[in-house]
Amino acid sequence: MKEYHNIIFLQDTEEASDLINQLLDGQYEAVLKHLAQWDYGPEMEHSPTEGNMRPWGYFDRTIDFPAYDEWTYTISYCGGHGYVALTRWKSCTDEA
């Protein structure tokens, strides 16, 4: 099981278009640095995604970045729909 936390979602803005273009140019680290400024750490962990399901779609492009501790960042984007998002997630176990 995985625990997902949405950090930021941008759609149909000049900023989203610029970030998508940077991703298409392979500037992954620059985009991660920009989007990660909205990650407020533990403050974000009180609201996992509904049903703890991955928040990106089947046809979205994704790029994973091991972050810190057990967390991983995933940038997801779709140029055709004009959006880019950052999610932080980790694998977790159910406690009985």
C-alpha atoms as a PDB file:
ATOM      1  CA  MET A   1       0.000   0.000   0.000  1.00  0.00           C
ATOM      2  CA  LYS A   2       1.177   3.528  -0.711  1.00  0.00           C
ATOM      3  CA  GLU A   3       0.348   6.831   0.929  1.00  0.00           C
ATOM      4  CA  TYR A   4       0.035   9.788  -1.479  1.00  0.00           C
ATOM      5  CA  HIS A   5      -0.002  13.516  -0.701  1.00  0.00           C
ATOM      6  CA  ASN A   6      -0.720  16.104  -3.392  1.00  0.00           C
ATOM      7  CA  ILE A   7       1.702  19.012  -3.172  1.00  0.00           C
ATOM      8  CA  ILE A   8       0.587  21.225  -6.072  1.00  0.00           C
ATOM      9  CA  PHE A   9      -1.458  20.967  -9.268  1.00  0.00           C
ATOM     10  CA  LEU A  10      -1.223  23.612 -11.999  1.00  0.00           C
ATOM     11  CA  GLN A  11      -3.425  23.628 -15.102  1.00  0.00           C
ATOM     12  CA  ASP A  12      -4.053  25.973 -18.025  1.00  0.00           C
ATOM     13  CA  THR A  13      -1.711  28.687 -16.782  1.00  0.00           C
ATOM     14  CA  GLU A  14       1.380  30.244 -18.274  1.00  0.00           C
ATOM     15  CA  GLU A  15       3.353  28.756 -15.385  1.00  0.00           C
ATOM     16  CA  ALA A  16       2.066  25.241 -16.164  1.00  0.00           C
ATOM     17  CA  SER A  17       2.932  25.665 -19.855  1.00  0.00           C
ATOM     18  CA  ASP A  18       6.437  26.869 -19.020  1.00  0.00           C
ATOM     19  CA  LEU A  19       7.009  23.914 -16.680  1.00  0.00           C
ATOM     20  CA  ILE A  20       5.728  21.413 -19.261  1.00  0.00           C
ATOM     21  CA  ASN A  21       8.096  22.884 -21.845  1.00  0.00           C
ATOM     22  CA  GLN A  22      10.976  22.554 -19.377  1.00  0.00           C
ATOM     23  CA  LEU A  23      10.032  18.910 -18.787  1.00  0.00           C
ATOM     24  CA  LEU A  24       9.926  18.260 -22.530  1.00  0.00           C
ATOM     25  CA  ASP A  25      13.421  19.776 -22.712  1.00  0.00           C
ATOM     26  CA  GLY A  26      14.648  17.387 -19.987  1.00  0.00           C
ATOM     27  CA  GLN A  27      14.986  20.011 -17.252  1.00  0.00           C
ATOM     28  CA  TYR A  28      13.530  17.685 -14.622  1.00  0.00           C
ATOM     29  CA  GLU A  29      15.542  18.892 -11.631  1.00  0.00           C
ATOM     30  CA  ALA A  30      14.652  22.547 -12.298  1.00  0.00           C
ATOM     31  CA  VAL A  31      10.947  21.709 -12.434  1.00  0.00           C
ATOM     32  CA  LEU A  32      11.203  19.627  -9.262  1.00  0.00           C
ATOM     33  CA  LYS A  33      12.945  22.481  -7.459  1.00  0.00           C
ATOM     34  CA  HIS A  34      10.230  24.907  -8.552  1.00  0.00           C
ATOM     35  CA  LEU A  35       7.287  22.671  -7.592  1.00  0.00           C
ATOM     36  CA  ALA A  36       8.843  21.478  -4.322  1.00  0.00           C
ATOM     37  CA  GLN A  37       8.675  24.997  -2.896  1.00  0.00           C
ATOM     38  CA  TRP A  38       5.020  24.208  -2.097  1.00  0.00           C
ATOM     39  CA  ASP A  39       5.889  21.122  -0.043  1.00  0.00           C
ATOM     40  CA  TYR A  40       5.420  22.096   3.585  1.00  0.00           C
ATOM     41  CA  GLY A  41       6.637  18.761   4.955  1.00  0.00           C
ATOM     42  CA  PRO A  42       4.684  17.166   7.799  1.00  0.00           C
ATOM     43  CA  GLU A  43       1.988  19.834   7.501  1.00  0.00           C
ATOM     44  CA  MET A  44       0.997  18.192   4.218  1.00  0.00           C
ATOM     45  CA  GLU A  45       0.685  14.715   5.728  1.00  0.00           C
ATOM     46  CA  HIS A  46      -2.665  15.248   7.438  1.00  0.00           C
ATOM     47  CA  SER A  47      -4.529  14.988   4.128  1.00  0.00           C
ATOM     48  CA  PRO A  48      -3.618  11.987   1.999  1.00  0.00           C
ATOM     49  CA  THR A  49      -5.333  11.602  -1.350  1.00  0.00           C
ATOM     50  CA  GLU A  50      -8.811  10.156  -1.239  1.00  0.00           C
ATOM     51  CA  GLY A  51      -8.593   6.394  -0.906  1.00  0.00           C
ATOM     52  CA  ASN A  52      -4.791   6.704  -0.981  1.00  0.00           C
ATOM     53  CA  MET A  53      -4.885   6.152  -4.732  1.00  0.00           C
ATOM     54  CA  ARG A  54      -2.198   7.463  -7.042  1.00  0.00           C
ATOM     55  CA  PRO A  55      -3.396  10.869  -8.233  1.00  0.00           C
ATOM     56  CA  TRP A  56      -2.032  10.731 -11.775  1.00  0.00           C
ATOM     57  CA  GLY A  57      -3.823   9.251 -14.741  1.00  0.00           C
ATOM     58  CA  TYR A  58      -2.911   6.257 -16.846  1.00  0.00           C
ATOM     59  CA  PHE A  59      -1.792   8.401 -19.784  1.00  0.00           C
ATOM     60  CA  ASP A  60       0.116  10.992 -17.731  1.00  0.00           C
ATOM     61  CA  ARG A  61       3.879  11.074 -17.988  1.00  0.00           C
ATOM     62  CA  THR A  62       5.579  10.650 -14.636  1.00  0.00           C
ATOM     63  CA  ILE A  63       9.080  11.177 -13.289  1.00  0.00           C
ATOM     64  CA  ASP A  64      10.090   9.844  -9.868  1.00  0.00           C
ATOM     65  CA  PHE A  65      12.673  11.429  -7.578  1.00  0.00           C
ATOM     66  CA  PRO A  66      13.688   9.739  -4.327  1.00  0.00           C
ATOM     67  CA  ALA A  67      13.272  12.558  -1.807  1.00  0.00           C
ATOM     68  CA  TYR A  68      14.113  12.239   1.843  1.00  0.00           C
ATOM     69  CA  ASP A  69      13.522   9.560   4.473  1.00  0.00           C
ATOM     70  CA  GLU A  70      11.167   7.057   2.856  1.00  0.00           C
ATOM     71  CA  TRP A  71       9.355   9.626   0.655  1.00  0.00           C
ATOM     72  CA  THR A  72       9.493   9.883  -3.148  1.00  0.00           C
ATOM     73  CA  TYR A  73       8.434  12.835  -5.286  1.00  0.00           C
ATOM     74  CA  THR A  74       6.548  12.210  -8.525  1.00  0.00           C
ATOM     75  CA  ILE A  75       6.046  14.882 -11.154  1.00  0.00           C
ATOM     76  CA  SER A  76       3.088  14.039 -13.362  1.00  0.00           C
ATOM     77  CA  TYR A  77       2.133  15.993 -16.441  1.00  0.00           C
ATOM     78  CA  CYS A  78       0.069  15.961 -19.595  1.00  0.00           C
ATOM     79  CA  GLY A  79       0.875  18.524 -22.260  1.00  0.00           C
ATOM     80  CA  GLY A  80      -2.377  17.875 -24.122  1.00  0.00           C
ATOM     81  CA  HIS A  81      -4.416  18.851 -21.071  1.00  0.00           C
ATOM     82  CA  GLY A  82      -1.983  21.542 -19.928  1.00  0.00           C
ATOM     83  CA  TYR A  83      -1.281  20.351 -16.415  1.00  0.00           C
ATOM     84  CA  VAL A  84       1.633  19.506 -14.203  1.00  0.00           C
ATOM     85  CA  ALA A  85       1.549  18.264 -10.614  1.00  0.00           C
ATOM     86  CA  LEU A  86       3.827  17.220  -7.791  1.00  0.00           C
ATOM     87  CA  THR A  87       2.964  14.392  -5.427  1.00  0.00           C
ATOM     88  CA  ARG A  88       4.898  13.044  -2.450  1.00  0.00           C
ATOM     89  CA  TRP A  89       4.386   9.365  -1.579  1.00  0.00           C
ATOM     90  CA  LYS A  90       5.784   6.471   0.384  1.00  0.00           C
ATOM     91  CA  SER A  91       5.173   2.765   0.738  1.00  0.00           C
ATOM     92  CA  CYS A  92       3.562   1.851   4.025  1.00  0.00           C
ATOM     93  CA  THR A  93       2.201  -1.211   5.752  1.00  0.00           C
ATOM     94  CA  ASP A  94      -1.155  -1.713   7.395  1.00  0.00           C
ATOM     95  CA  GLU A  95      -0.937  -2.029  11.127  1.00  0.00           C
ATOM     96  CA  ALA A  96      -3.098  -4.802  12.519  1.00  0.00           C
END
